[in-house]
PDB file of all heavy atoms in Angstrom:
ATOM      1  N   SER A   1     -40.683 118.038  62.651  1.00  0.00           N
ATOM      2  CA  SER A   1     -39.985 119.319  62.557  1.00  0.00           C
ATOM      3  C   SER A   1     -40.888 120.480  62.173  1.00  0.00           C
ATOM      4  O   SER A   1     -40.650 121.606  62.583  1.00  0.00           O
ATOM      5  CB  SER A   1     -38.828 119.211  61.568  1.00  0.00           C
ATOM      6  OG  SER A   1     -39.311 119.002  60.260  1.00  0.00           O
ATOM      7  N   ASN A   2     -41.917 120.227  61.375  1.00  0.00           N
ATOM      8  CA  ASN A   2     -42.821 121.326  61.019  1.00  0.00           C
ATOM      9  C   ASN A   2     -44.278 120.895  60.966  1.00  0.00           C
ATOM     10  O   ASN A   2     -45.132 121.665  60.563  1.00  0.00           O
ATOM     11  CB  ASN A   2     -42.415 121.968  59.696  1.00  0.00           C
ATOM     12  CG  ASN A   2     -42.561 121.042  58.506  1.00  0.00           C
ATOM     13  OD1 ASN A   2     -43.420 120.170  58.471  1.00  0.00           O
ATOM     14  ND2 ASN A   2     -41.722 121.226  57.515  1.00  0.00           N
ATOM     15  N   MET A   3     -44.554 119.679  61.365  1.00  0.00           N
ATOM     16  CA  MET A   3     -45.938 119.207  61.288  1.00  0.00           C
ATOM     17  C   MET A   3     -46.745 119.683  62.483  1.00  0.00           C
ATOM     18  O   MET A   3     -46.202 119.894  63.571  1.00  0.00           O
ATOM     19  CB  MET A   3     -46.001 117.681  61.183  1.00  0.00           C
ATOM     20  CG  MET A   3     -45.614 116.925  62.438  1.00  0.00           C
ATOM     21  SD  MET A   3     -45.713 115.126  62.262  1.00  0.00           S
ATOM     22  CE  MET A   3     -47.429 114.860  62.648  1.00  0.00           C
ATOM     23  N   VAL A   4     -48.018 119.881  62.249  1.00  0.00           N
ATOM     24  CA  VAL A   4     -48.929 120.202  63.331  1.00  0.00           C
ATOM     25  C   VAL A   4     -49.178 118.897  64.084  1.00  0.00           C
ATOM     26  O   VAL A   4     -49.551 117.889  63.495  1.00  0.00           O
ATOM     27  CB  VAL A   4     -50.245 120.801  62.792  1.00  0.00           C
ATOM     28  CG1 VAL A   4     -51.223 121.048  63.921  1.00  0.00           C
ATOM     29  CG2 VAL A   4     -49.961 122.085  62.012  1.00  0.00           C
ATOM     30  N   GLU A   5     -48.926 118.920  65.367  1.00  0.00           N
ATOM     31  CA  GLU A   5     -49.066 117.738  66.210  1.00  0.00           C
ATOM     32  C   GLU A   5     -50.437 117.094  66.014  1.00  0.00           C
ATOM     33  O   GLU A   5     -51.449 117.794  65.930  1.00  0.00           O
ATOM     34  CB  GLU A   5     -48.897 118.172  67.668  1.00  0.00           C
ATOM     35  CG  GLU A   5     -49.119 117.098  68.686  1.00  0.00           C
ATOM     36  CD  GLU A   5     -49.014 117.639  70.101  1.00  0.00           C
ATOM     37  OE1 GLU A   5     -49.327 118.826  70.332  1.00  0.00           O
ATOM     38  OE2 GLU A   5     -48.630 116.863  70.977  1.00  0.00           O
ATOM     39  N   ILE A   6     -50.463 115.763  65.922  1.00  0.00           N
ATOM     40  CA  ILE A   6     -51.728 115.033  65.814  1.00  0.00           C
ATOM     41  C   ILE A   6     -51.830 114.020  66.951  1.00  0.00           C
ATOM     42  O   ILE A   6     -50.820 113.550  67.468  1.00  0.00           O
ATOM     43  CB  ILE A   6     -51.901 114.332  64.446  1.00  0.00           C
ATOM     44  CG1 ILE A   6     -50.742 113.386  64.145  1.00  0.00           C
ATOM     45  CG2 ILE A   6     -52.077 115.352  63.341  1.00  0.00           C
ATOM     46  CD1 ILE A   6     -50.921 112.580  62.866  1.00  0.00           C
ATOM     47  N   TRP A   7     -53.066 113.718  67.323  1.00  0.00           N
ATOM     48  CA  TRP A   7     -53.365 112.758  68.379  1.00  0.00           C
ATOM     49  C   TRP A   7     -54.274 111.678  67.813  1.00  0.00           C
ATOM     50  O   TRP A   7     -55.053 111.934  66.879  1.00  0.00           O
ATOM     51  CB  TRP A   7     -54.094 113.443  69.529  1.00  0.00           C
ATOM     52  CG  TRP A   7     -53.226 114.282  70.422  1.00  0.00           C
ATOM     53  CD1 TRP A   7     -52.448 115.347  70.044  1.00  0.00           C
ATOM     54  CD2 TRP A   7     -53.067 114.140  71.816  1.00  0.00           C
ATOM     55  NE1 TRP A   7     -51.816 115.865  71.125  1.00  0.00           N
ATOM     56  CE2 TRP A   7     -52.174 115.148  72.246  1.00  0.00           C
ATOM     57  CE3 TRP A   7     -53.590 113.267  72.751  1.00  0.00           C
ATOM     58  CZ2 TRP A   7     -51.796 115.296  73.566  1.00  0.00           C
ATOM     59  CZ3 TRP A   7     -53.218 113.418  74.080  1.00  0.00           C
ATOM     60  CH2 TRP A   7     -52.322 114.420  74.476  1.00  0.00           C
ATOM     61  N   SER A   8     -54.195 110.494  68.398  1.00  0.00           N
ATOM     62  CA  SER A   8     -55.117 109.430  68.007  1.00  0.00           C
ATOM     63  C   SER A   8     -56.542 109.859  68.365  1.00  0.00           C
ATOM     64  O   SER A   8     -56.759 110.597  69.324  1.00  0.00           O
ATOM     65  CB  SER A   8     -54.757 108.119  68.707  1.00  0.00           C
ATOM     66  OG  SER A   8     -54.757 108.269  70.116  1.00  0.00           O
ATOM     67  N   ALA A   9     -57.500 109.395  67.586  1.00  0.00           N
ATOM     68  CA  ALA A   9     -58.900 109.777  67.785  1.00  0.00           C
ATOM     69  C   ALA A   9     -59.425 109.307  69.130  1.00  0.00           C
ATOM     70  O   ALA A   9     -60.256 109.970  69.747  1.00  0.00           O
ATOM     71  CB  ALA A   9     -59.754 109.223  66.653  1.00  0.00           C
ATOM     72  N   THR A  10     -58.953 108.170  69.566  1.00  0.00           N
ATOM     73  CA  THR A  10     -59.371 107.592  70.840  1.00  0.00           C
ATOM     74  C   THR A  10     -58.155 107.001  71.534  1.00  0.00           C
ATOM     75  O   THR A  10     -57.099 106.809  70.922  1.00  0.00           O
ATOM     76  CB  THR A  10     -60.413 106.464  70.639  1.00  0.00           C
ATOM     77  OG1 THR A  10     -59.826 105.444  69.815  1.00  0.00           O
ATOM     78  CG2 THR A  10     -61.682 107.001  69.984  1.00  0.00           C
ATOM     79  N   ALA A  11     -58.309 106.689  72.813  1.00  0.00           N
ATOM     80  CA  ALA A  11     -57.237 106.007  73.537  1.00  0.00           C
ATOM     81  C   ALA A  11     -57.077 104.605  72.952  1.00  0.00           C
ATOM     82  O   ALA A  11     -58.048 103.968  72.550  1.00  0.00           O
ATOM     83  CB  ALA A  11     -57.570 105.941  75.022  1.00  0.00           C
ATOM     84  N   GLN A  12     -55.837 104.151  72.889  1.00  0.00           N
ATOM     85  CA  GLN A  12     -55.507 102.841  72.335  1.00  0.00           C
ATOM     86  C   GLN A  12     -54.956 101.948  73.441  1.00  0.00           C
ATOM     87  O   GLN A  12     -54.241 102.420  74.324  1.00  0.00           O
ATOM     88  CB  GLN A  12     -54.468 102.978  71.219  1.00  0.00           C
ATOM     89  CG  GLN A  12     -54.925 103.845  70.068  1.00  0.00           C
ATOM     90  CD  GLN A  12     -56.143 103.261  69.381  1.00  0.00           C
ATOM     91  OE1 GLN A  12     -56.124 102.129  68.909  1.00  0.00           O
ATOM     92  NE2 GLN A  12     -57.226 104.038  69.331  1.00  0.00           N
ATOM     93  N   THR A  13     -55.262 100.670  73.374  1.00  0.00           N
ATOM     94  CA  THR A  13     -54.778  99.728  74.371  1.00  0.00           C
ATOM     95  C   THR A  13     -53.395  99.236  73.985  1.00  0.00           C
ATOM     96  O   THR A  13     -53.180  98.724  72.890  1.00  0.00           O
ATOM     97  CB  THR A  13     -55.745  98.537  74.506  1.00  0.00           C
ATOM     98  OG1 THR A  13     -57.028  99.035  74.893  1.00  0.00           O
ATOM     99  CG2 THR A  13     -55.244  97.548  75.544  1.00  0.00           C
ATOM    100  N   ILE A  14     -52.464  99.442  74.899  1.00  0.00           N
ATOM    101  CA  ILE A  14     -51.087  98.974  74.732  1.00  0.00           C
ATOM    102  C   ILE A  14     -50.911  97.793  75.683  1.00  0.00           C
ATOM    103  O   ILE A  14     -51.253  97.877  76.864  1.00  0.00           O
ATOM    104  CB  ILE A  14     -50.061 100.074  75.102  1.00  0.00           C
ATOM    105  CG1 ILE A  14     -50.317 101.362  74.323  1.00  0.00           C
ATOM    106  CG2 ILE A  14     -48.642  99.576  74.913  1.00  0.00           C
ATOM    107  CD1 ILE A  14     -50.054 101.302  72.860  1.00  0.00           C
ATOM    108  N   GLY A  15     -50.408  96.697  75.160  1.00  0.00           N
ATOM    109  CA  GLY A  15     -50.222  95.514  75.993  1.00  0.00           C
ATOM    110  C   GLY A  15     -49.053  94.697  75.509  1.00  0.00           C
ATOM    111  O   GLY A  15     -48.082  95.229  74.970  1.00  0.00           O
ATOM    112  N   SER A  16     -49.154  93.383  75.659  1.00  0.00           N
ATOM    113  CA  SER A  16     -48.049  92.501  75.271  1.00  0.00           C
ATOM    114  C   SER A  16     -47.992  92.301  73.761  1.00  0.00           C
ATOM    115  O   SER A  16     -46.960  91.931  73.219  1.00  0.00           O
ATOM    116  CB  SER A  16     -48.191  91.143  75.969  1.00  0.00           C
ATOM    117  OG  SER A  16     -49.431  90.556  75.628  1.00  0.00           O
ATOM    118  N   THR A  17     -49.093  92.581  73.059  1.00  0.00           N
ATOM    119  CA  THR A  17     -49.126  92.476  71.601  1.00  0.00           C
ATOM    120  C   THR A  17     -48.798  93.835  71.002  1.00  0.00           C
ATOM    121  O   THR A  17     -49.372  94.845  71.420  1.00  0.00           O
ATOM    122  CB  THR A  17     -50.522  92.037  71.127  1.00  0.00           C
ATOM    123  OG1 THR A  17     -50.862  90.822  71.775  1.00  0.00           O
ATOM    124  CG2 THR A  17     -50.557  91.869  69.631  1.00  0.00           C
ATOM    125  N   PRO A  18     -47.904  93.911  70.044  1.00  0.00           N
ATOM    126  CA  PRO A  18     -47.577  95.203  69.429  1.00  0.00           C
ATOM    127  C   PRO A  18     -48.825  95.859  68.827  1.00  0.00           C
ATOM    128  O   PRO A  18     -49.674  95.185  68.242  1.00  0.00           O
ATOM    129  CB  PRO A  18     -46.574  94.843  68.331  1.00  0.00           C
ATOM    130  CG  PRO A  18     -45.990  93.539  68.767  1.00  0.00           C
ATOM    131  CD  PRO A  18     -47.091  92.828  69.497  1.00  0.00           C
ATOM    132  N   LEU A  19     -48.928  97.162  69.005  1.00  0.00           N
ATOM    133  CA  LEU A  19     -50.040  97.924  68.464  1.00  0.00           C
ATOM    134  C   LEU A  19     -49.638  98.513  67.125  1.00  0.00           C
ATOM    135  O   LEU A  19     -48.546  99.050  66.973  1.00  0.00           O
ATOM    136  CB  LEU A  19     -50.416  99.064  69.416  1.00  0.00           C
ATOM    137  CG  LEU A  19     -51.447 100.063  68.890  1.00  0.00           C
ATOM    138  CD1 LEU A  19     -52.819  99.410  68.778  1.00  0.00           C
ATOM    139  CD2 LEU A  19     -51.511 101.277  69.783  1.00  0.00           C
ATOM    140  N   SER A  20     -50.521  98.426  66.164  1.00  0.00           N
ATOM    141  CA  SER A  20     -50.344  99.083  64.875  1.00  0.00           C
ATOM    142  C   SER A  20     -51.439 100.128  64.757  1.00  0.00           C
ATOM    143  O   SER A  20     -52.620  99.808  64.915  1.00  0.00           O
ATOM    144  CB  SER A  20     -50.438  98.062  63.744  1.00  0.00           C
ATOM    145  OG  SER A  20     -50.317  98.701  62.501  1.00  0.00           O
ATOM    146  N   TYR A  21     -51.056 101.390  64.522  1.00  0.00           N
ATOM    147  CA  TYR A  21     -52.042 102.465  64.411  1.00  0.00           C
ATOM    148  C   TYR A  21     -51.789 103.238  63.127  1.00  0.00           C
ATOM    149  O   TYR A  21     -50.665 103.664  62.871  1.00  0.00           O
ATOM    150  CB  TYR A  21     -51.965 103.405  65.622  1.00  0.00           C
ATOM    151  CG  TYR A  21     -53.179 104.291  65.728  1.00  0.00           C
ATOM    152  CD1 TYR A  21     -54.346 103.820  66.294  1.00  0.00           C
ATOM    153  CD2 TYR A  21     -53.169 105.593  65.235  1.00  0.00           C
ATOM    154  CE1 TYR A  21     -55.484 104.611  66.372  1.00  0.00           C
ATOM    155  CE2 TYR A  21     -54.292 106.393  65.318  1.00  0.00           C
ATOM    156  CZ  TYR A  21     -55.442 105.898  65.890  1.00  0.00           C
ATOM    157  OH  TYR A  21     -56.564 106.689  65.958  1.00  0.00           O
ATOM    158  N   ASP A  22     -52.814 103.416  62.326  1.00  0.00           N
ATOM    159  CA  ASP A  22     -52.683 104.054  61.020  1.00  0.00           C
ATOM    160  C   ASP A  22     -53.286 105.458  61.047  1.00  0.00           C
ATOM    161  O   ASP A  22     -54.487 105.624  60.888  1.00  0.00           O
ATOM    162  CB  ASP A  22     -53.368 103.200  59.954  1.00  0.00           C
ATOM    163  CG  ASP A  22     -53.202 103.733  58.553  1.00  0.00           C
ATOM    164  OD1 ASP A  22     -52.520 104.768  58.373  1.00  0.00           O
ATOM    165  OD2 ASP A  22     -53.747 103.117  57.629  1.00  0.00           O
ATOM    166  N   PHE A  23     -52.436 106.472  61.246  1.00  0.00           N
ATOM    167  CA  PHE A  23     -52.906 107.849  61.263  1.00  0.00           C
ATOM    168  C   PHE A  23     -53.367 108.316  59.890  1.00  0.00           C
ATOM    169  O   PHE A  23     -54.016 109.341  59.771  1.00  0.00           O
ATOM    170  CB  PHE A  23     -51.805 108.794  61.765  1.00  0.00           C
ATOM    171  CG  PHE A  23     -51.774 108.937  63.254  1.00  0.00           C
ATOM    172  CD1 PHE A  23     -50.839 108.252  64.003  1.00  0.00           C
ATOM    173  CD2 PHE A  23     -52.672 109.758  63.912  1.00  0.00           C
ATOM    174  CE1 PHE A  23     -50.797 108.384  65.380  1.00  0.00           C
ATOM    175  CE2 PHE A  23     -52.650 109.904  65.286  1.00  0.00           C
ATOM    176  CZ  PHE A  23     -51.707 109.216  66.029  1.00  0.00           C
ATOM    177  N   SER A  24     -53.021 107.586  58.831  1.00  0.00           N
ATOM    178  CA  SER A  24     -53.397 108.024  57.486  1.00  0.00           C
ATOM    179  C   SER A  24     -54.811 107.593  57.103  1.00  0.00           C
ATOM    180  O   SER A  24     -55.289 107.917  56.025  1.00  0.00           O
ATOM    181  CB  SER A  24     -52.398 107.516  56.448  1.00  0.00           C
ATOM    182  OG  SER A  24     -52.502 106.116  56.301  1.00  0.00           O
ATOM    183  N   ALA A  25     -55.507 106.898  57.992  1.00  0.00           N
ATOM    184  CA  ALA A  25     -56.874 106.445  57.712  1.00  0.00           C
ATOM    185  C   ALA A  25     -57.892 107.506  58.139  1.00  0.00           C
ATOM    186  O   ALA A  25     -57.664 108.261  59.090  1.00  0.00           O
ATOM    187  CB  ALA A  25     -57.155 105.139  58.449  1.00  0.00           C
ATOM    188  N   ASP A  26     -59.007 107.569  57.450  1.00  0.00           N
ATOM    189  CA  ASP A  26     -60.071 108.507  57.769  1.00  0.00           C
ATOM    190  C   ASP A  26     -60.551 108.265  59.202  1.00  0.00           C
ATOM    191  O   ASP A  26     -60.841 107.144  59.593  1.00  0.00           O
ATOM    192  CB  ASP A  26     -61.227 108.327  56.780  1.00  0.00           C
ATOM    193  CG  ASP A  26     -62.277 109.419  56.900  1.00  0.00           C
ATOM    194  OD1 ASP A  26     -61.999 110.459  57.529  1.00  0.00           O
ATOM    195  OD2 ASP A  26     -63.374 109.221  56.361  1.00  0.00           O
ATOM    196  N   GLY A  27     -60.625 109.317  59.997  1.00  0.00           N
ATOM    197  CA  GLY A  27     -61.112 109.227  61.366  1.00  0.00           C
ATOM    198  C   GLY A  27     -60.091 108.780  62.386  1.00  0.00           C
ATOM    199  O   GLY A  27     -60.421 108.633  63.557  1.00  0.00           O
ATOM    200  N   ALA A  28     -58.844 108.563  61.980  1.00  0.00           N
ATOM    201  CA  ALA A  28     -57.828 108.070  62.910  1.00  0.00           C
ATOM    202  C   ALA A  28     -57.260 109.166  63.808  1.00  0.00           C
ATOM    203  O   ALA A  28     -56.801 108.887  64.902  1.00  0.00           O
ATOM    204  CB  ALA A  28     -56.683 107.400  62.145  1.00  0.00           C
ATOM    205  N   ALA A  29     -57.285 110.407  63.334  1.00  0.00           N
ATOM    206  CA  ALA A  29     -56.736 111.522  64.113  1.00  0.00           C
ATOM    207  C   ALA A  29     -57.840 112.226  64.888  1.00  0.00           C
ATOM    208  O   ALA A  29     -58.950 112.420  64.388  1.00  0.00           O
ATOM    209  CB  ALA A  29     -56.020 112.500  63.194  1.00  0.00           C
ATOM    210  N   TYR A  30     -57.518 112.618  66.110  1.00  0.00           N
ATOM    211  CA  TYR A  30     -58.472 113.320  66.956  1.00  0.00           C
ATOM    212  C   TYR A  30     -58.852 114.652  66.315  1.00  0.00           C
ATOM    213  O   TYR A  30     -58.015 115.353  65.753  1.00  0.00           O
ATOM    214  CB  TYR A  30     -57.867 113.575  68.345  1.00  0.00           C
ATOM    215  CG  TYR A  30     -58.804 114.334  69.230  1.00  0.00           C
ATOM    216  CD1 TYR A  30     -59.805 113.670  69.933  1.00  0.00           C
ATOM    217  CD2 TYR A  30     -58.735 115.714  69.328  1.00  0.00           C
ATOM    218  CE1 TYR A  30     -60.695 114.362  70.721  1.00  0.00           C
ATOM    219  CE2 TYR A  30     -59.626 116.420  70.120  1.00  0.00           C
ATOM    220  CZ  TYR A  30     -60.597 115.741  70.811  1.00  0.00           C
ATOM    221  OH  TYR A  30     -61.499 116.435  71.583  1.00  0.00           O
TER     222      TYR A  30
END
């Protein structure tokens, strides 16, 4: 609602295994 849009630092592979991505980690946001 008021956050500045963020993107993953790199492209992530989506497949048959669920992906877990932690935007709160250093270097995770583009």
